[in-house]
Amino acid sequence: MSYLNGNGIEPRRSTNVTVRALPLAQARAGESVRIVALRGGGREMDELAVAGLAPGRLCIVLGQLPGGATLIGFDERRLAIGGTAAAEIWVRLVAS
């Protein structure tokens, strides 16, 4: 069941719930996020760490790509992260 606000738009988050962290895959285009944790392991996470993605890094979500990938930007770079990896990267929203 969905609830609409007065503008006919479904609110993203309830004002009664504090969001501590969410997977990068759930962040929306235009949101600024700070990396909290890289969960999981394997080669893909190692490559992301080498590319500069680490806890504390401030990024902007540029968009969601077909197939579930997430496009982010940081340090004058763009990086596409596969859907599985984006679900294992936890972030906090940062007020812009």
PDB file of N, CA and C in Angstrom:
ATOM      1  N   MET A   1       0.839  -1.162   0.000  1.00  0.00           N
ATOM      2  CA  MET A   1       0.000   0.000   0.000  1.00  0.00           C
ATOM      3  C   MET A   1       0.889   1.232   0.000  1.00  0.00           C
ATOM      4  N   SER A   2       0.566   2.213  -0.817  1.00  0.00           N
ATOM      5  CA  SER A   2       1.363   3.433  -0.849  1.00  0.00           C
ATOM      6  C   SER A   2       0.512   4.611  -0.392  1.00  0.00           C
ATOM      7  N   TYR A   3       1.181   5.591   0.146  1.00  0.00           N
ATOM      8  CA  TYR A   3       0.525   6.801   0.622  1.00  0.00           C
ATOM      9  C   TYR A   3       1.091   7.975  -0.138  1.00  0.00           C
ATOM     10  N   LEU A   4       0.224   8.888  -0.553  1.00  0.00           N
ATOM     11  CA  LEU A   4       0.655  10.061  -1.301  1.00  0.00           C
ATOM     12  C   LEU A   4       0.538  11.288  -0.418  1.00  0.00           C
ATOM     13  N   ASN A   5       1.499  12.208  -0.594  1.00  0.00           N
ATOM     14  CA  ASN A   5       1.394  13.462   0.150  1.00  0.00           C
ATOM     15  C   ASN A   5       0.439  14.402  -0.593  1.00  0.00           C
ATOM     16  N   GLY A   6       0.306  15.618  -0.154  1.00  0.00           N
ATOM     17  CA  GLY A   6      -0.617  16.568  -0.757  1.00  0.00           C
ATOM     18  C   GLY A   6      -0.332  16.891  -2.212  1.00  0.00           C
ATOM     19  N   ASN A   7       0.897  16.660  -2.669  1.00  0.00           N
ATOM     20  CA  ASN A   7       1.255  16.927  -4.060  1.00  0.00           C
ATOM     21  C   ASN A   7       1.046  15.719  -4.956  1.00  0.00           C
ATOM     22  N   GLY A   8       0.516  14.621  -4.406  1.00  0.00           N
ATOM     23  CA  GLY A   8       0.326  13.419  -5.199  1.00  0.00           C
ATOM     24  C   GLY A   8       1.606  12.631  -5.407  1.00  0.00           C
ATOM     25  N   ILE A   9       2.614  12.890  -4.578  1.00  0.00           N
ATOM     26  CA  ILE A   9       3.912  12.225  -4.702  1.00  0.00           C
ATOM     27  C   ILE A   9       4.115  11.337  -3.491  1.00  0.00           C
ATOM     28  N   GLU A  10       4.520  10.106  -3.747  1.00  0.00           N
ATOM     29  CA  GLU A  10       4.779   9.195  -2.635  1.00  0.00           C
ATOM     30  C   GLU A  10       6.061   9.619  -1.932  1.00  0.00           C
ATOM     31  N   PRO A  11       6.021   9.856  -0.616  1.00  0.00           N
ATOM     32  CA  PRO A  11       7.242  10.248   0.103  1.00  0.00           C
ATOM     33  C   PRO A  11       8.246   9.104   0.120  1.00  0.00           C
ATOM     34  N   ARG A  12       9.518   9.444   0.077  1.00  0.00           N
ATOM     35  CA  ARG A  12      10.572   8.430   0.037  1.00  0.00           C
ATOM     36  C   ARG A  12      10.765   7.774   1.383  1.00  0.00           C
ATOM     37  N   ARG A  13      10.796   8.555   2.433  1.00  0.00           N
ATOM     38  CA  ARG A  13      11.037   8.031   3.777  1.00  0.00           C
ATOM     39  C   ARG A  13      10.057   8.688   4.741  1.00  0.00           C
ATOM     40  N   SER A  14       9.647   7.925   5.696  1.00  0.00           N
ATOM     41  CA  SER A  14       8.779   8.459   6.734  1.00  0.00           C
ATOM     42  C   SER A  14       9.574   9.417   7.607  1.00  0.00           C
ATOM     43  N   THR A  15       8.947  10.465   8.070  1.00  0.00           N
ATOM     44  CA  THR A  15       9.633  11.409   8.951  1.00  0.00           C
ATOM     45  C   THR A  15       9.814  10.824  10.346  1.00  0.00           C
ATOM     46  N   ASN A  16       9.157   9.696  10.621  1.00  0.00           N
ATOM     47  CA  ASN A  16       9.269   9.047  11.923  1.00  0.00           C
ATOM     48  C   ASN A  16      10.437   8.072  11.996  1.00  0.00           C
ATOM     49  N   VAL A  17      11.131   7.859  10.888  1.00  0.00           N
ATOM     50  CA  VAL A  17      12.202   6.872  10.835  1.00  0.00           C
ATOM     51  C   VAL A  17      13.519   7.571  10.574  1.00  0.00           C
ATOM     52  N   THR A  18      14.530   7.252  11.349  1.00  0.00           N
ATOM     53  CA  THR A  18      15.860   7.786  11.124  1.00  0.00           C
ATOM     54  C   THR A  18      16.642   6.801  10.267  1.00  0.00           C
ATOM     55  N   VAL A  19      17.136   7.259   9.132  1.00  0.00           N
ATOM     56  CA  VAL A  19      17.908   6.390   8.254  1.00  0.00           C
ATOM     57  C   VAL A  19      19.370   6.530   8.630  1.00  0.00           C
ATOM     58  N   ARG A  20      19.949   5.452   9.141  1.00  0.00           N
ATOM     59  CA  ARG A  20      21.346   5.488   9.535  1.00  0.00           C
ATOM     60  C   ARG A  20      22.241   5.211   8.341  1.00  0.00           C
ATOM     61  N   ALA A  21      21.943   4.182   7.602  1.00  0.00           N
ATOM     62  CA  ALA A  21      22.739   3.840   6.421  1.00  0.00           C
ATOM     63  C   ALA A  21      21.854   3.047   5.472  1.00  0.00           C
ATOM     64  N   LEU A  22      22.195   3.095   4.197  1.00  0.00           N
ATOM     65  CA  LEU A  22      21.468   2.345   3.188  1.00  0.00           C
ATOM     66  C   LEU A  22      22.447   1.876   2.129  1.00  0.00           C
ATOM     67  N   PRO A  23      22.093   0.844   1.392  1.00  0.00           N
ATOM     68  CA  PRO A  23      22.972   0.400   0.310  1.00  0.00           C
ATOM     69  C   PRO A  23      23.054   1.468  -0.787  1.00  0.00           C
ATOM     70  N   LEU A  24      24.199   1.613  -1.377  1.00  0.00           N
ATOM     71  CA  LEU A  24      24.384   2.576  -2.464  1.00  0.00           C
ATOM     72  C   LEU A  24      23.370   2.341  -3.575  1.00  0.00           C
ATOM     73  N   ALA A  25      22.996   1.107  -3.803  1.00  0.00           N
ATOM     74  CA  ALA A  25      22.037   0.772  -4.857  1.00  0.00           C
ATOM     75  C   ALA A  25      20.683   1.444  -4.634  1.00  0.00           C
ATOM     76  N   GLN A  26      20.370   1.851  -3.404  1.00  0.00           N
ATOM     77  CA  GLN A  26      19.085   2.481  -3.096  1.00  0.00           C
ATOM     78  C   GLN A  26      19.144   4.001  -3.124  1.00  0.00           C
ATOM     79  N   ALA A  27      20.317   4.580  -3.264  1.00  0.00           N
ATOM     80  CA  ALA A  27      20.442   6.043  -3.329  1.00  0.00           C
ATOM     81  C   ALA A  27      19.932   6.524  -4.684  1.00  0.00           C
ATOM     82  N   ARG A  28      19.410   7.711  -4.704  1.00  0.00           N
ATOM     83  CA  ARG A  28      18.842   8.281  -5.933  1.00  0.00           C
ATOM     84  C   ARG A  28      19.802   9.257  -6.592  1.00  0.00           C
ATOM     85  N   ALA A  29      19.606   9.446  -7.882  1.00  0.00           N
ATOM     86  CA  ALA A  29      20.410  10.394  -8.652  1.00  0.00           C
ATOM     87  C   ALA A  29      20.329  11.775  -8.017  1.00  0.00           C
ATOM     88  N   GLY A  30      21.475  12.428  -7.890  1.00  0.00           N
ATOM     89  CA  GLY A  30      21.549  13.765  -7.339  1.00  0.00           C
ATOM     90  C   GLY A  30      21.833  13.799  -5.845  1.00  0.00           C
ATOM     91  N   GLU A  31      21.744  12.666  -5.165  1.00  0.00           N
ATOM     92  CA  GLU A  31      21.997  12.642  -3.725  1.00  0.00           C
ATOM     93  C   GLU A  31      23.492  12.568  -3.448  1.00  0.00           C
ATOM     94  N   SER A  32      23.912  13.316  -2.447  1.00  0.00           N
ATOM     95  CA  SER A  32      25.292  13.235  -1.959  1.00  0.00           C
ATOM     96  C   SER A  32      25.332  12.197  -0.864  1.00  0.00           C
ATOM     97  N   VAL A  33      26.325  11.317  -0.928  1.00  0.00           N
ATOM     98  CA  VAL A  33      26.440  10.244   0.056  1.00  0.00           C
ATOM     99  C   VAL A  33      27.881  10.141   0.544  1.00  0.00           C
ATOM    100  N   ARG A  34      28.033   9.619   1.758  1.00  0.00           N
ATOM    101  CA  ARG A  34      29.354   9.331   2.307  1.00  0.00           C
ATOM    102  C   ARG A  34      29.431   7.828   2.513  1.00  0.00           C
ATOM    103  N   ILE A  35      30.505   7.219   2.014  1.00  0.00           N
ATOM    104  CA  ILE A  35      30.697   5.777   2.152  1.00  0.00           C
ATOM    105  C   ILE A  35      30.909   5.451   3.628  1.00  0.00           C
ATOM    106  N   VAL A  36      30.152   4.477   4.129  1.00  0.00           N
ATOM    107  CA  VAL A  36      30.256   4.048   5.518  1.00  0.00           C
ATOM    108  C   VAL A  36      31.019   2.728   5.600  1.00  0.00           C
ATOM    109  N   ALA A  37      30.704   1.795   4.707  1.00  0.00           N
ATOM    110  CA  ALA A  37      31.344   0.475   4.765  1.00  0.00           C
ATOM    111  C   ALA A  37      31.291  -0.203   3.405  1.00  0.00           C
ATOM    112  N   LEU A  38      32.326  -0.966   3.111  1.00  0.00           N
ATOM    113  CA  LEU A  38      32.360  -1.842   1.939  1.00  0.00           C
ATOM    114  C   LEU A  38      32.234  -3.259   2.481  1.00  0.00           C
ATOM    115  N   ARG A  39      31.073  -3.856   2.295  1.00  0.00           N
ATOM    116  CA  ARG A  39      30.850  -5.205   2.801  1.00  0.00           C
ATOM    117  C   ARG A  39      31.132  -6.193   1.692  1.00  0.00           C
ATOM    118  N   GLY A  40      31.277  -7.427   2.065  1.00  0.00           N
ATOM    119  CA  GLY A  40      31.590  -8.427   1.054  1.00  0.00           C
ATOM    120  C   GLY A  40      33.079  -8.408   0.792  1.00  0.00           C
ATOM    121  N   GLY A  41      33.468  -9.015  -0.248  1.00  0.00           N
ATOM    122  CA  GLY A  41      34.889  -9.082  -0.556  1.00  0.00           C
ATOM    123  C   GLY A  41      35.070  -9.440  -2.015  1.00  0.00           C
ATOM    124  N   GLY A  42      36.200  -9.940  -2.306  1.00  0.00           N
ATOM    125  CA  GLY A  42      36.454 -10.351  -3.676  1.00  0.00           C
ATOM    126  C   GLY A  42      37.162  -9.291  -4.486  1.00  0.00           C
ATOM    127  N   ARG A  43      37.404  -9.654  -5.711  1.00  0.00           N
ATOM    128  CA  ARG A  43      38.183  -8.808  -6.604  1.00  0.00           C
ATOM    129  C   ARG A  43      37.522  -7.464  -6.885  1.00  0.00           C
ATOM    130  N   GLU A  44      36.207  -7.467  -7.060  1.00  0.00           N
ATOM    131  CA  GLU A  44      35.519  -6.213  -7.383  1.00  0.00           C
ATOM    132  C   GLU A  44      35.679  -5.181  -6.264  1.00  0.00           C
ATOM    133  N   MET A  45      35.547  -5.602  -5.016  1.00  0.00           N
ATOM    134  CA  MET A  45      35.711  -4.677  -3.891  1.00  0.00           C
ATOM    135  C   MET A  45      37.163  -4.198  -3.798  1.00  0.00           C
ATOM    136  N   ASP A  46      38.110  -5.082  -4.081  1.00  0.00           N
ATOM    137  CA  ASP A  46      39.521  -4.677  -4.096  1.00  0.00           C
ATOM    138  C   ASP A  46      39.766  -3.619  -5.162  1.00  0.00           C
ATOM    139  N   GLU A  47      39.169  -3.798  -6.337  1.00  0.00           N
ATOM    140  CA  GLU A  47      39.335  -2.831  -7.431  1.00  0.00           C
ATOM    141  C   GLU A  47      38.706  -1.480  -7.078  1.00  0.00           C
ATOM    142  N   LEU A  48      37.577  -1.514  -6.397  1.00  0.00           N
ATOM    143  CA  LEU A  48      36.943  -0.259  -5.977  1.00  0.00           C
ATOM    144  C   LEU A  48      37.809   0.476  -4.963  1.00  0.00           C
ATOM    145  N   ALA A  49      38.424  -0.265  -4.061  1.00  0.00           N
ATOM    146  CA  ALA A  49      39.323   0.352  -3.080  1.00  0.00           C
ATOM    147  C   ALA A  49      40.522   0.985  -3.768  1.00  0.00           C
ATOM    148  N   VAL A  50      41.077   0.299  -4.768  1.00  0.00           N
ATOM    149  CA  VAL A  50      42.215   0.852  -5.524  1.00  0.00           C
ATOM    150  C   VAL A  50      41.791   2.112  -6.280  1.00  0.00           C
ATOM    151  N   ALA A  51      40.531   2.151  -6.746  1.00  0.00           N
ATOM    152  CA  ALA A  51      40.016   3.318  -7.466  1.00  0.00           C
ATOM    153  C   ALA A  51      39.768   4.502  -6.531  1.00  0.00           C
ATOM    154  N   GLY A  52      39.873   4.276  -5.207  1.00  0.00           N
ATOM    155  CA  GLY A  52      39.709   5.374  -4.264  1.00  0.00           C
ATOM    156  C   GLY A  52      38.418   5.352  -3.482  1.00  0.00           C
ATOM    157  N   LEU A  53      37.612   4.327  -3.685  1.00  0.00           N
ATOM    158  CA  LEU A  53      36.363   4.222  -2.950  1.00  0.00           C
ATOM    159  C   LEU A  53      36.636   3.556  -1.612  1.00  0.00           C
ATOM    160  N   ALA A  54      36.502   4.302  -0.533  1.00  0.00           N
ATOM    161  CA  ALA A  54      36.803   3.798   0.805  1.00  0.00           C
ATOM    162  C   ALA A  54      35.878   4.493   1.798  1.00  0.00           C
ATOM    163  N   PRO A  55      35.704   3.915   2.980  1.00  0.00           N
ATOM    164  CA  PRO A  55      34.882   4.574   3.995  1.00  0.00           C
ATOM    165  C   PRO A  55      35.356   6.012   4.236  1.00  0.00           C
ATOM    166  N   GLY A  56      34.387   6.912   4.327  1.00  0.00           N
ATOM    167  CA  GLY A  56      34.684   8.322   4.516  1.00  0.00           C
ATOM    168  C   GLY A  56      34.634   9.127   3.221  1.00  0.00           C
ATOM    169  N   ARG A  57      34.700   8.477   2.082  1.00  0.00           N
ATOM    170  CA  ARG A  57      34.696   9.155   0.773  1.00  0.00           C
ATOM    171  C   ARG A  57      33.330   9.775   0.514  1.00  0.00           C
ATOM    172  N   LEU A  58      33.317  11.034   0.112  1.00  0.00           N
ATOM    173  CA  LEU A  58      32.104  11.742  -0.256  1.00  0.00           C
ATOM    174  C   LEU A  58      31.892  11.589  -1.757  1.00  0.00           C
ATOM    175  N   CYS A  59      30.698  11.178  -2.158  1.00  0.00           N
ATOM    176  CA  CYS A  59      30.378  10.939  -3.572  1.00  0.00           C
ATOM    177  C   CYS A  59      29.021  11.548  -3.889  1.00  0.00           C
ATOM    178  N   ILE A  60      28.750  11.713  -5.163  1.00  0.00           N
ATOM    179  CA  ILE A  60      27.421  12.096  -5.613  1.00  0.00           C
ATOM    180  C   ILE A  60      26.922  10.999  -6.541  1.00  0.00           C
ATOM    181  N   VAL A  61      25.666  10.624  -6.362  1.00  0.00           N
ATOM    182  CA  VAL A  61      25.056   9.602  -7.211  1.00  0.00           C
ATOM    183  C   VAL A  61      24.618  10.306  -8.494  1.00  0.00           C
ATOM    184  N   LEU A  62      25.178   9.878  -9.604  1.00  0.00           N
ATOM    185  CA  LEU A  62      24.862  10.497 -10.891  1.00  0.00           C
ATOM    186  C   LEU A  62      23.684   9.825 -11.568  1.00  0.00           C
ATOM    187  N   GLY A  63      23.434   8.560 -11.242  1.00  0.00           N
ATOM    188  CA  GLY A  63      22.284   7.884 -11.828  1.00  0.00           C
ATOM    189  C   GLY A  63      22.327   6.383 -11.636  1.00  0.00           C
ATOM    190  N   GLN A  64      21.199   5.769 -11.971  1.00  0.00           N
ATOM    191  CA  GLN A  64      21.081   4.315 -11.963  1.00  0.00           C
ATOM    192  C   GLN A  64      21.074   3.870 -13.424  1.00  0.00           C
ATOM    193  N   LEU A  65      21.899   2.927 -13.769  1.00  0.00           N
ATOM    194  CA  LEU A  65      22.040   2.457 -15.137  1.00  0.00           C
ATOM    195  C   LEU A  65      21.222   1.188 -15.357  1.00  0.00           C
ATOM    196  N   PRO A  66      20.895   0.882 -16.611  1.00  0.00           N
ATOM    197  CA  PRO A  66      20.180  -0.362 -16.890  1.00  0.00           C
ATOM    198  C   PRO A  66      20.960  -1.558 -16.352  1.00  0.00           C
ATOM    199  N   GLY A  67      20.247  -2.519 -15.832  1.00  0.00           N
ATOM    200  CA  GLY A  67      20.892  -3.701 -15.289  1.00  0.00           C
ATOM    201  C   GLY A  67      21.240  -3.566 -13.820  1.00  0.00           C
ATOM    202  N   GLY A  68      20.918  -2.432 -13.197  1.00  0.00           N
ATOM    203  CA  GLY A  68      21.135  -2.270 -11.765  1.00  0.00           C
ATOM    204  C   GLY A  68      22.420  -1.577 -11.359  1.00  0.00           C
ATOM    205  N   ALA A  69      23.267  -1.202 -12.301  1.00  0.00           N
ATOM    206  CA  ALA A  69      24.513  -0.514 -11.955  1.00  0.00           C
ATOM    207  C   ALA A  69      24.216   0.909 -11.474  1.00  0.00           C
ATOM    208  N   THR A  70      25.099   1.428 -10.636  1.00  0.00           N
ATOM    209  CA  THR A  70      24.977   2.787 -10.109  1.00  0.00           C
ATOM    210  C   THR A  70      26.174   3.596 -10.582  1.00  0.00           C
ATOM    211  N   LEU A  71      25.921   4.783 -11.103  1.00  0.00           N
ATOM    212  CA  LEU A  71      26.978   5.678 -11.562  1.00  0.00           C
ATOM    213  C   LEU A  71      27.204   6.738 -10.490  1.00  0.00           C
ATOM    214  N   ILE A  72      28.443   6.838 -10.004  1.00  0.00           N
ATOM    215  CA  ILE A  72      28.777   7.837  -8.982  1.00  0.00           C
ATOM    216  C   ILE A  72      29.911   8.720  -9.489  1.00  0.00           C
ATOM    217  N   GLY A  73      30.056   9.868  -8.857  1.00  0.00           N
ATOM    218  CA  GLY A  73      31.138  10.781  -9.168  1.00  0.00           C
ATOM    219  C   GLY A  73      31.864  11.193  -7.905  1.00  0.00           C
ATOM    220  N   PHE A  74      33.188  11.277  -7.995  1.00  0.00           N
ATOM    221  CA  PHE A  74      34.015  11.795  -6.901  1.00  0.00           C
ATOM    222  C   PHE A  74      35.368  12.161  -7.467  1.00  0.00           C
ATOM    223  N   ASP A  75      35.996  13.174  -6.906  1.00  0.00           N
ATOM    224  CA  ASP A  75      37.325  13.624  -7.345  1.00  0.00           C
ATOM    225  C   ASP A  75      37.437  13.782  -8.864  1.00  0.00           C
ATOM    226  N   GLU A  76      36.470  14.453  -9.463  1.00  0.00           N
ATOM    227  CA  GLU A  76      36.486  14.705 -10.912  1.00  0.00           C
ATOM    228  C   GLU A  76      36.454  13.415 -11.738  1.00  0.00           C
ATOM    229  N   ARG A  77      35.979  12.321 -11.134  1.00  0.00           N
ATOM    230  CA  ARG A  77      35.888  11.040 -11.833  1.00  0.00           C
ATOM    231  C   ARG A  77      34.460  10.521 -11.796  1.00  0.00           C
ATOM    232  N   ARG A  78      34.156   9.636 -12.730  1.00  0.00           N
ATOM    233  CA  ARG A  78      32.892   8.903 -12.730  1.00  0.00           C
ATOM    234  C   ARG A  78      33.225   7.428 -12.636  1.00  0.00           C
ATOM    235  N   LEU A  79      32.400   6.713 -11.905  1.00  0.00           N
ATOM    236  CA  LEU A  79      32.643   5.299 -11.713  1.00  0.00           C
ATOM    237  C   LEU A  79      31.307   4.574 -11.751  1.00  0.00           C
ATOM    238  N   ALA A  80      31.198   3.556 -12.619  1.00  0.00           N
ATOM    239  CA  ALA A  80      30.001   2.720 -12.674  1.00  0.00           C
ATOM    240  C   ALA A  80      30.254   1.493 -11.810  1.00  0.00           C
ATOM    241  N   ILE A  81      29.340   1.221 -10.899  1.00  0.00           N
ATOM    242  CA  ILE A  81      29.472   0.107  -9.968  1.00  0.00           C
ATOM    243  C   ILE A  81      28.316  -0.853 -10.220  1.00  0.00           C
ATOM    244  N   GLY A  82      28.644  -2.122 -10.445  1.00  0.00           N
ATOM    245  CA  GLY A  82      27.634  -3.134 -10.702  1.00  0.00           C
ATOM    246  C   GLY A  82      26.618  -3.240  -9.583  1.00  0.00           C
ATOM    247  N   GLY A  83      25.443  -3.728  -9.913  1.00  0.00           N
ATOM    248  CA  GLY A  83      24.351  -3.808  -8.952  1.00  0.00           C
ATOM    249  C   GLY A  83      24.664  -4.629  -7.709  1.00  0.00           C
ATOM    250  N   THR A  84      25.352  -5.747  -7.887  1.00  0.00           N
ATOM    251  CA  THR A  84      25.694  -6.590  -6.738  1.00  0.00           C
ATOM    252  C   THR A  84      26.646  -5.868  -5.801  1.00  0.00           C
ATOM    253  N   ALA A  85      27.656  -5.219  -6.354  1.00  0.00           N
ATOM    254  CA  ALA A  85      28.613  -4.474  -5.528  1.00  0.00           C
ATOM    255  C   ALA A  85      27.942  -3.262  -4.884  1.00  0.00           C
ATOM    256  N   ALA A  86      27.073  -2.565  -5.636  1.00  0.00           N
ATOM    257  CA  ALA A  86      26.392  -1.383  -5.093  1.00  0.00           C
ATOM    258  C   ALA A  86      25.503  -1.754  -3.908  1.00  0.00           C
ATOM    259  N   ALA A  87      25.002  -2.983  -3.878  1.00  0.00           N
ATOM    260  CA  ALA A  87      24.188  -3.439  -2.754  1.00  0.00           C
ATOM    261  C   ALA A  87      25.044  -3.746  -1.526  1.00  0.00           C
ATOM    262  N   GLU A  88      26.354  -3.910  -1.723  1.00  0.00           N
ATOM    263  CA  GLU A  88      27.272  -4.231  -0.624  1.00  0.00           C
ATOM    264  C   GLU A  88      28.029  -3.005  -0.108  1.00  0.00           C
ATOM    265  N   ILE A  89      27.790  -1.844  -0.720  1.00  0.00           N
ATOM    266  CA  ILE A  89      28.430  -0.596  -0.296  1.00  0.00           C
ATOM    267  C   ILE A  89      27.384   0.210   0.478  1.00  0.00           C
ATOM    268  N   TRP A  90      27.662   0.428   1.758  1.00  0.00           N
ATOM    269  CA  TRP A  90      26.700   1.144   2.610  1.00  0.00           C
ATOM    270  C   TRP A  90      27.104   2.598   2.728  1.00  0.00           C
ATOM    271  N   VAL A  91      26.100   3.476   2.630  1.00  0.00           N
ATOM    272  CA  VAL A  91      26.320   4.913   2.607  1.00  0.00           C
ATOM    273  C   VAL A  91      25.353   5.619   3.547  1.00  0.00           C
ATOM    274  N   ARG A  92      25.695   6.861   3.873  1.00  0.00           N
ATOM    275  CA  ARG A  92      24.799   7.764   4.582  1.00  0.00           C
ATOM    276  C   ARG A  92      24.530   8.956   3.682  1.00  0.00           C
ATOM    277  N   LEU A  93      23.299   9.424   3.693  1.00  0.00           N
ATOM    278  CA  LEU A  93      22.974  10.613   2.920  1.00  0.00           C
ATOM    279  C   LEU A  93      23.588  11.830   3.583  1.00  0.00           C
ATOM    280  N   VAL A  94      24.061  12.762   2.770  1.00  0.00           N
ATOM    281  CA  VAL A  94      24.697  13.985   3.257  1.00  0.00           C
ATOM    282  C   VAL A  94      23.840  15.152   2.777  1.00  0.00           C
ATOM    283  N   ALA A  95      23.510  16.048   3.682  1.00  0.00           N
ATOM    284  CA  ALA A  95      22.731  17.226   3.296  1.00  0.00           C
ATOM    285  C   ALA A  95      23.549  18.072   2.339  1.00  0.00           C
ATOM    286  N   SER A  96      22.893  18.506   1.267  1.00  0.00           N
ATOM    287  CA  SER A  96      23.627  19.306   0.263  1.00  0.00           C
ATOM    288  C   SER A  96      23.437  20.765   0.450  1.00  0.00           C
TER     289      SER A  96
END
